[in-house]
Protein backbone atom coordinates (compact mmCIF):
# COMPACT_ATOMS: atom_id res chain seq x y z
CA UNK A 1 0.00 0.00 0.00
CA UNK A 2 1.34 3.42 -0.94
CA UNK A 3 0.96 6.29 1.45
CA UNK A 4 0.56 9.76 0.01
CA UNK A 5 2.81 12.50 1.27
CA UNK A 6 1.01 15.49 2.72
CA UNK A 7 0.60 18.30 0.22
CA UNK A 8 2.50 21.43 1.16
CA UNK A 9 1.22 24.85 0.30
CA UNK A 10 3.65 27.05 -1.59
CA UNK A 11 2.19 30.27 -0.25
CA UNK A 12 2.33 29.43 3.46
CA UNK A 13 5.16 28.51 5.80
CA UNK A 14 5.01 25.44 8.03
CA UNK A 15 6.35 26.71 11.34
CA UNK A 16 6.98 23.14 12.53
CA UNK A 17 9.55 22.65 9.74
CA UNK A 18 12.87 24.00 11.05
CA UNK A 19 14.43 24.16 7.60
CA UNK A 20 11.65 26.32 6.14
CA UNK A 21 11.87 28.69 9.11
CA UNK A 22 15.68 28.91 8.88
CA UNK A 23 15.62 29.60 5.13
CA UNK A 24 12.94 32.28 5.50
CA UNK A 25 14.78 33.96 8.39
CA UNK A 26 18.00 33.99 6.38
CA UNK A 27 16.31 35.33 3.23
CA UNK A 28 14.53 38.13 5.10
CA UNK A 29 17.48 38.78 7.48
CA UNK A 30 15.31 38.44 10.60
CA UNK A 31 16.05 37.09 14.05
CA UNK A 32 13.90 34.37 15.59
CA UNK A 33 11.96 36.78 17.88
CA UNK A 34 11.36 39.19 14.99
CA UNK A 35 9.99 36.42 12.78
CA UNK A 36 7.82 35.14 15.63
CA UNK A 37 6.33 38.58 16.20
CA UNK A 38 5.59 39.05 12.49
CA UNK A 39 3.95 35.61 12.25
CA UNK A 40 1.79 36.34 15.30
CA UNK A 41 0.76 39.62 13.73
CA UNK A 42 0.12 38.51 10.13
CA UNK A 43 -0.23 34.71 10.07
CA UNK A 44 1.75 32.13 8.12
CA UNK A 45 1.27 33.56 4.62
CA UNK A 46 4.62 34.13 2.89
CA UNK A 47 3.36 37.23 1.11
CA UNK A 48 2.13 38.80 4.34
CA UNK A 49 5.34 37.95 6.20
CA UNK A 50 7.50 39.38 3.41
CA UNK A 51 5.41 42.54 3.20
CA UNK A 52 5.49 43.09 6.96
CA UNK A 53 9.23 42.39 7.17
CA UNK A 54 9.83 44.99 4.46
CA UNK A 55 7.66 47.50 6.27
CA UNK A 56 9.35 47.01 9.64
CA UNK A 57 12.93 47.05 8.33
CA UNK A 58 14.04 50.17 6.51
CA UNK A 59 16.26 49.41 3.54
PDB file of N, CA and C in Angstrom:
ATOM      1  N   UNK A   1       0.842  -1.179   0.000  1.00  0.00           N
ATOM      2  CA  UNK A   1       0.000   0.000   0.000  1.00  0.00           C
ATOM      3  C   UNK A   1       0.891   1.248   0.000  1.00  0.00           C
ATOM      4  N   UNK A   2       0.578   2.176  -0.870  1.00  0.00           N
ATOM      5  CA  UNK A   2       1.341   3.416  -0.939  1.00  0.00           C
ATOM      6  C   UNK A   2       0.656   4.486  -0.104  1.00  0.00           C
ATOM      7  N   UNK A   3       1.470   5.206   0.617  1.00  0.00           N
ATOM      8  CA  UNK A   3       0.958   6.287   1.455  1.00  0.00           C
ATOM      9  C   UNK A   3       1.314   7.606   0.790  1.00  0.00           C
ATOM     10  N   UNK A   4       0.317   8.464   0.625  1.00  0.00           N
ATOM     11  CA  UNK A   4       0.556   9.765   0.009  1.00  0.00           C
ATOM     12  C   UNK A   4       1.242  10.695   0.986  1.00  0.00           C
ATOM     13  N   UNK A   5       2.176  11.472   0.469  1.00  0.00           N
ATOM     14  CA  UNK A   5       2.812  12.500   1.270  1.00  0.00           C
ATOM     15  C   UNK A   5       1.829  13.653   1.443  1.00  0.00           C
ATOM     16  N   UNK A   6       1.897  14.339   2.573  1.00  0.00           N
ATOM     17  CA  UNK A   6       1.012  15.494   2.724  1.00  0.00           C
ATOM     18  C   UNK A   6       1.379  16.585   1.728  1.00  0.00           C
ATOM     19  N   UNK A   7       0.391  17.228   1.186  1.00  0.00           N
ATOM     20  CA  UNK A   7       0.600  18.303   0.223  1.00  0.00           C
ATOM     21  C   UNK A   7       0.979  19.580   0.964  1.00  0.00           C
ATOM     22  N   UNK A   8       2.064  20.184   0.542  1.00  0.00           N
ATOM     23  CA  UNK A   8       2.504  21.426   1.159  1.00  0.00           C
ATOM     24  C   UNK A   8       2.011  22.601   0.318  1.00  0.00           C
ATOM     25  N   UNK A   9       1.660  23.651   0.985  1.00  0.00           N
ATOM     26  CA  UNK A   9       1.217  24.855   0.301  1.00  0.00           C
ATOM     27  C   UNK A   9       2.433  25.708  -0.001  1.00  0.00           C
ATOM     28  N   UNK A  10       2.495  26.235  -1.194  1.00  0.00           N
ATOM     29  CA  UNK A  10       3.649  27.048  -1.587  1.00  0.00           C
ATOM     30  C   UNK A  10       3.537  28.485  -1.093  1.00  0.00           C
ATOM     31  N   UNK A  11       2.354  28.881  -0.663  1.00  0.00           N
ATOM     32  CA  UNK A  11       2.193  30.269  -0.252  1.00  0.00           C
ATOM     33  C   UNK A  11       2.089  30.434   1.265  1.00  0.00           C
ATOM     34  N   UNK A  12       2.370  29.363   2.008  1.00  0.00           N
ATOM     35  CA  UNK A  12       2.326  29.430   3.460  1.00  0.00           C
ATOM     36  C   UNK A  12       3.534  28.690   4.025  1.00  0.00           C
ATOM     37  N   UNK A  13       4.011  29.140   5.164  1.00  0.00           N
ATOM     38  CA  UNK A  13       5.158  28.508   5.799  1.00  0.00           C
ATOM     39  C   UNK A  13       4.669  27.564   6.892  1.00  0.00           C
ATOM     40  N   UNK A  14       5.306  26.406   6.969  1.00  0.00           N
ATOM     41  CA  UNK A  14       5.007  25.445   8.028  1.00  0.00           C
ATOM     42  C   UNK A  14       5.980  25.730   9.163  1.00  0.00           C
ATOM     43  N   UNK A  15       5.490  26.291  10.244  1.00  0.00           N
ATOM     44  CA  UNK A  15       6.349  26.707  11.342  1.00  0.00           C
ATOM     45  C   UNK A  15       6.934  25.526  12.109  1.00  0.00           C
ATOM     46  N   UNK A  16       6.419  24.330  11.891  1.00  0.00           N
ATOM     47  CA  UNK A  16       6.984  23.142  12.533  1.00  0.00           C
ATOM     48  C   UNK A  16       8.214  22.629  11.790  1.00  0.00           C
ATOM     49  N   UNK A  17       8.415  23.085  10.549  1.00  0.00           N
ATOM     50  CA  UNK A  17       9.548  22.652   9.742  1.00  0.00           C
ATOM     51  C   UNK A  17      10.718  23.616   9.976  1.00  0.00           C
ATOM     52  N   UNK A  18      11.746  23.143  10.682  1.00  0.00           N
ATOM     53  CA  UNK A  18      12.868  24.001  11.055  1.00  0.00           C
ATOM     54  C   UNK A  18      13.618  24.526   9.845  1.00  0.00           C
ATOM     55  N   UNK A  19      13.691  23.740   8.791  1.00  0.00           N
ATOM     56  CA  UNK A  19      14.429  24.157   7.600  1.00  0.00           C
ATOM     57  C   UNK A  19      13.724  25.315   6.902  1.00  0.00           C
ATOM     58  N   UNK A  20      12.397  25.219   6.763  1.00  0.00           N
ATOM     59  CA  UNK A  20      11.648  26.316   6.143  1.00  0.00           C
ATOM     60  C   UNK A  20      11.816  27.608   6.939  1.00  0.00           C
ATOM     61  N   UNK A  21      11.746  27.502   8.255  1.00  0.00           N
ATOM     62  CA  UNK A  21      11.875  28.685   9.109  1.00  0.00           C
ATOM     63  C   UNK A  21      13.271  29.278   8.982  1.00  0.00           C
ATOM     64  N   UNK A  22      14.307  28.421   8.989  1.00  0.00           N
ATOM     65  CA  UNK A  22      15.681  28.906   8.882  1.00  0.00           C
ATOM     66  C   UNK A  22      15.929  29.599   7.541  1.00  0.00           C
ATOM     67  N   UNK A  23      15.430  29.008   6.454  1.00  0.00           N
ATOM     68  CA  UNK A  23      15.624  29.600   5.130  1.00  0.00           C
ATOM     69  C   UNK A  23      14.906  30.947   5.035  1.00  0.00           C
ATOM     70  N   UNK A  24      13.693  31.023   5.546  1.00  0.00           N
ATOM     71  CA  UNK A  24      12.941  32.279   5.495  1.00  0.00           C
ATOM     72  C   UNK A  24      13.618  33.356   6.342  1.00  0.00           C
ATOM     73  N   UNK A  25      14.081  32.993   7.537  1.00  0.00           N
ATOM     74  CA  UNK A  25      14.779  33.962   8.388  1.00  0.00           C
ATOM     75  C   UNK A  25      16.033  34.483   7.706  1.00  0.00           C
ATOM     76  N   UNK A  26      16.771  33.588   7.050  1.00  0.00           N
ATOM     77  CA  UNK A  26      18.003  33.989   6.379  1.00  0.00           C
ATOM     78  C   UNK A  26      17.703  34.895   5.184  1.00  0.00           C
ATOM     79  N   UNK A  27      16.651  34.542   4.413  1.00  0.00           N
ATOM     80  CA  UNK A  27      16.314  35.331   3.234  1.00  0.00           C
ATOM     81  C   UNK A  27      15.842  36.733   3.615  1.00  0.00           C
ATOM     82  N   UNK A  28      15.070  36.832   4.690  1.00  0.00           N
ATOM     83  CA  UNK A  28      14.534  38.128   5.102  1.00  0.00           C
ATOM     84  C   UNK A  28      15.439  38.857   6.097  1.00  0.00           C
ATOM     85  N   UNK A  29      16.530  38.206   6.521  1.00  0.00           N
ATOM     86  CA  UNK A  29      17.482  38.783   7.485  1.00  0.00           C
ATOM     87  C   UNK A  29      16.776  39.187   8.769  1.00  0.00           C
ATOM     88  N   UNK A  30      16.041  38.220   9.352  1.00  0.00           N
ATOM     89  CA  UNK A  30      15.315  38.442  10.597  1.00  0.00           C
ATOM     90  C   UNK A  30      15.852  37.529  11.687  1.00  0.00           C
ATOM     91  N   UNK A  31      15.722  37.958  12.935  1.00  0.00           N
ATOM     92  CA  UNK A  31      16.052  37.089  14.053  1.00  0.00           C
ATOM     93  C   UNK A  31      14.826  36.248  14.382  1.00  0.00           C
ATOM     94  N   UNK A  32      15.014  35.250  15.221  1.00  0.00           N
ATOM     95  CA  UNK A  32      13.900  34.369  15.591  1.00  0.00           C
ATOM     96  C   UNK A  32      12.763  35.139  16.286  1.00  0.00           C
ATOM     97  N   UNK A  33      13.069  36.014  17.256  1.00  0.00           N
ATOM     98  CA  UNK A  33      11.963  36.776  17.880  1.00  0.00           C
ATOM     99  C   UNK A  33      11.243  37.702  16.900  1.00  0.00           C
ATOM    100  N   UNK A  34      11.992  38.308  15.971  1.00  0.00           N
ATOM    101  CA  UNK A  34      11.361  39.193  14.987  1.00  0.00           C
ATOM    102  C   UNK A  34      10.403  38.409  14.094  1.00  0.00           C
ATOM    103  N   UNK A  35      10.860  37.240  13.624  1.00  0.00           N
ATOM    104  CA  UNK A  35       9.986  36.422  12.779  1.00  0.00           C
ATOM    105  C   UNK A  35       8.760  35.964  13.552  1.00  0.00           C
ATOM    106  N   UNK A  36       8.954  35.565  14.809  1.00  0.00           N
ATOM    107  CA  UNK A  36       7.823  35.135  15.633  1.00  0.00           C
ATOM    108  C   UNK A  36       6.785  36.229  15.807  1.00  0.00           C
ATOM    109  N   UNK A  37       7.251  37.447  16.028  1.00  0.00           N
ATOM    110  CA  UNK A  37       6.328  38.578  16.197  1.00  0.00           C
ATOM    111  C   UNK A  37       5.561  38.853  14.910  1.00  0.00           C
ATOM    112  N   UNK A  38       6.249  38.801  13.779  1.00  0.00           N
ATOM    113  CA  UNK A  38       5.592  39.045  12.488  1.00  0.00           C
ATOM    114  C   UNK A  38       4.562  37.963  12.199  1.00  0.00           C
ATOM    115  N   UNK A  39       4.891  36.707  12.496  1.00  0.00           N
ATOM    116  CA  UNK A  39       3.950  35.610  12.251  1.00  0.00           C
ATOM    117  C   UNK A  39       2.730  35.737  13.154  1.00  0.00           C
ATOM    118  N   UNK A  40       2.935  36.134  14.412  1.00  0.00           N
ATOM    119  CA  UNK A  40       1.788  36.336  15.303  1.00  0.00           C
ATOM    120  C   UNK A  40       0.882  37.451  14.783  1.00  0.00           C
ATOM    121  N   UNK A  41       1.505  38.457  14.205  1.00  0.00           N
ATOM    122  CA  UNK A  41       0.761  39.623  13.729  1.00  0.00           C
ATOM    123  C   UNK A  41       0.017  39.339  12.415  1.00  0.00           C
ATOM    124  N   UNK A  42       0.679  38.627  11.471  1.00  0.00           N
ATOM    125  CA  UNK A  42       0.116  38.508  10.130  1.00  0.00           C
ATOM    126  C   UNK A  42      -0.374  37.111   9.765  1.00  0.00           C
ATOM    127  N   UNK A  43       0.125  36.080  10.444  1.00  0.00           N
ATOM    128  CA  UNK A  43      -0.235  34.715  10.069  1.00  0.00           C
ATOM    129  C   UNK A  43       0.914  34.062   9.329  1.00  0.00           C
ATOM    130  N   UNK A  44       0.665  32.888   8.734  1.00  0.00           N
ATOM    131  CA  UNK A  44       1.754  32.132   8.124  1.00  0.00           C
ATOM    132  C   UNK A  44       1.850  32.308   6.613  1.00  0.00           C
ATOM    133  N   UNK A  45       1.198  33.282   6.046  1.00  0.00           N
ATOM    134  CA  UNK A  45       1.269  33.557   4.616  1.00  0.00           C
ATOM    135  C   UNK A  45       2.623  34.179   4.275  1.00  0.00           C
ATOM    136  N   UNK A  46       3.303  33.609   3.280  1.00  0.00           N
ATOM    137  CA  UNK A  46       4.615  34.129   2.886  1.00  0.00           C
ATOM    138  C   UNK A  46       4.538  35.565   2.382  1.00  0.00           C
ATOM    139  N   UNK A  47       3.504  35.871   1.633  1.00  0.00           N
ATOM    140  CA  UNK A  47       3.360  37.230   1.107  1.00  0.00           C
ATOM    141  C   UNK A  47       3.181  38.234   2.238  1.00  0.00           C
ATOM    142  N   UNK A  48       2.367  37.893   3.220  1.00  0.00           N
ATOM    143  CA  UNK A  48       2.129  38.801   4.336  1.00  0.00           C
ATOM    144  C   UNK A  48       3.384  38.968   5.193  1.00  0.00           C
ATOM    145  N   UNK A  49       4.116  37.876   5.410  1.00  0.00           N
ATOM    146  CA  UNK A  49       5.343  37.947   6.198  1.00  0.00           C
ATOM    147  C   UNK A  49       6.377  38.811   5.491  1.00  0.00           C
ATOM    148  N   UNK A  50       6.538  38.610   4.185  1.00  0.00           N
ATOM    149  CA  UNK A  50       7.504  39.384   3.412  1.00  0.00           C
ATOM    150  C   UNK A  50       7.146  40.860   3.399  1.00  0.00           C
ATOM    151  N   UNK A  51       5.872  41.152   3.224  1.00  0.00           N
ATOM    152  CA  UNK A  51       5.415  42.540   3.200  1.00  0.00           C
ATOM    153  C   UNK A  51       5.649  43.214   4.548  1.00  0.00           C
ATOM    154  N   UNK A  52       5.314  42.522   5.626  1.00  0.00           N
ATOM    155  CA  UNK A  52       5.486  43.091   6.962  1.00  0.00           C
ATOM    156  C   UNK A  52       6.967  43.247   7.307  1.00  0.00           C
ATOM    157  N   UNK A  53       7.798  42.293   6.894  1.00  0.00           N
ATOM    158  CA  UNK A  53       9.228  42.393   7.167  1.00  0.00           C
ATOM    159  C   UNK A  53       9.824  43.584   6.415  1.00  0.00           C
ATOM    160  N   UNK A  54       9.354  43.838   5.222  1.00  0.00           N
ATOM    161  CA  UNK A  54       9.825  44.991   4.463  1.00  0.00           C
ATOM    162  C   UNK A  54       9.366  46.298   5.071  1.00  0.00           C
ATOM    163  N   UNK A  55       8.197  46.286   5.664  1.00  0.00           N
ATOM    164  CA  UNK A  55       7.663  47.501   6.274  1.00  0.00           C
ATOM    165  C   UNK A  55       8.353  47.811   7.608  1.00  0.00           C
ATOM    166  N   UNK A  56       8.740  46.774   8.338  1.00  0.00           N
ATOM    167  CA  UNK A  56       9.351  47.008   9.641  1.00  0.00           C
ATOM    168  C   UNK A  56      10.835  47.301   9.555  1.00  0.00           C
ATOM    169  N   UNK A  57      11.489  46.829   8.500  1.00  0.00           N
ATOM    170  CA  UNK A  57      12.929  47.049   8.331  1.00  0.00           C
ATOM    171  C   UNK A  57      13.173  48.063   7.235  1.00  0.00           C
ATOM    172  N   UNK A  58      13.703  49.220   7.580  1.00  0.00           N
ATOM    173  CA  UNK A  58      14.042  50.174   6.512  1.00  0.00           C
ATOM    174  C   UNK A  58      15.237  49.678   5.713  1.00  0.00           C
ATOM    175  N   UNK A  59      15.180  49.895   4.413  1.00  0.00           N
ATOM    176  CA  UNK A  59      16.260  49.410   3.545  1.00  0.00           C
ATOM    177  C   UNK A  59      17.205  50.513   3.196  1.00  0.00           C
TER     178      UNK A  59
END
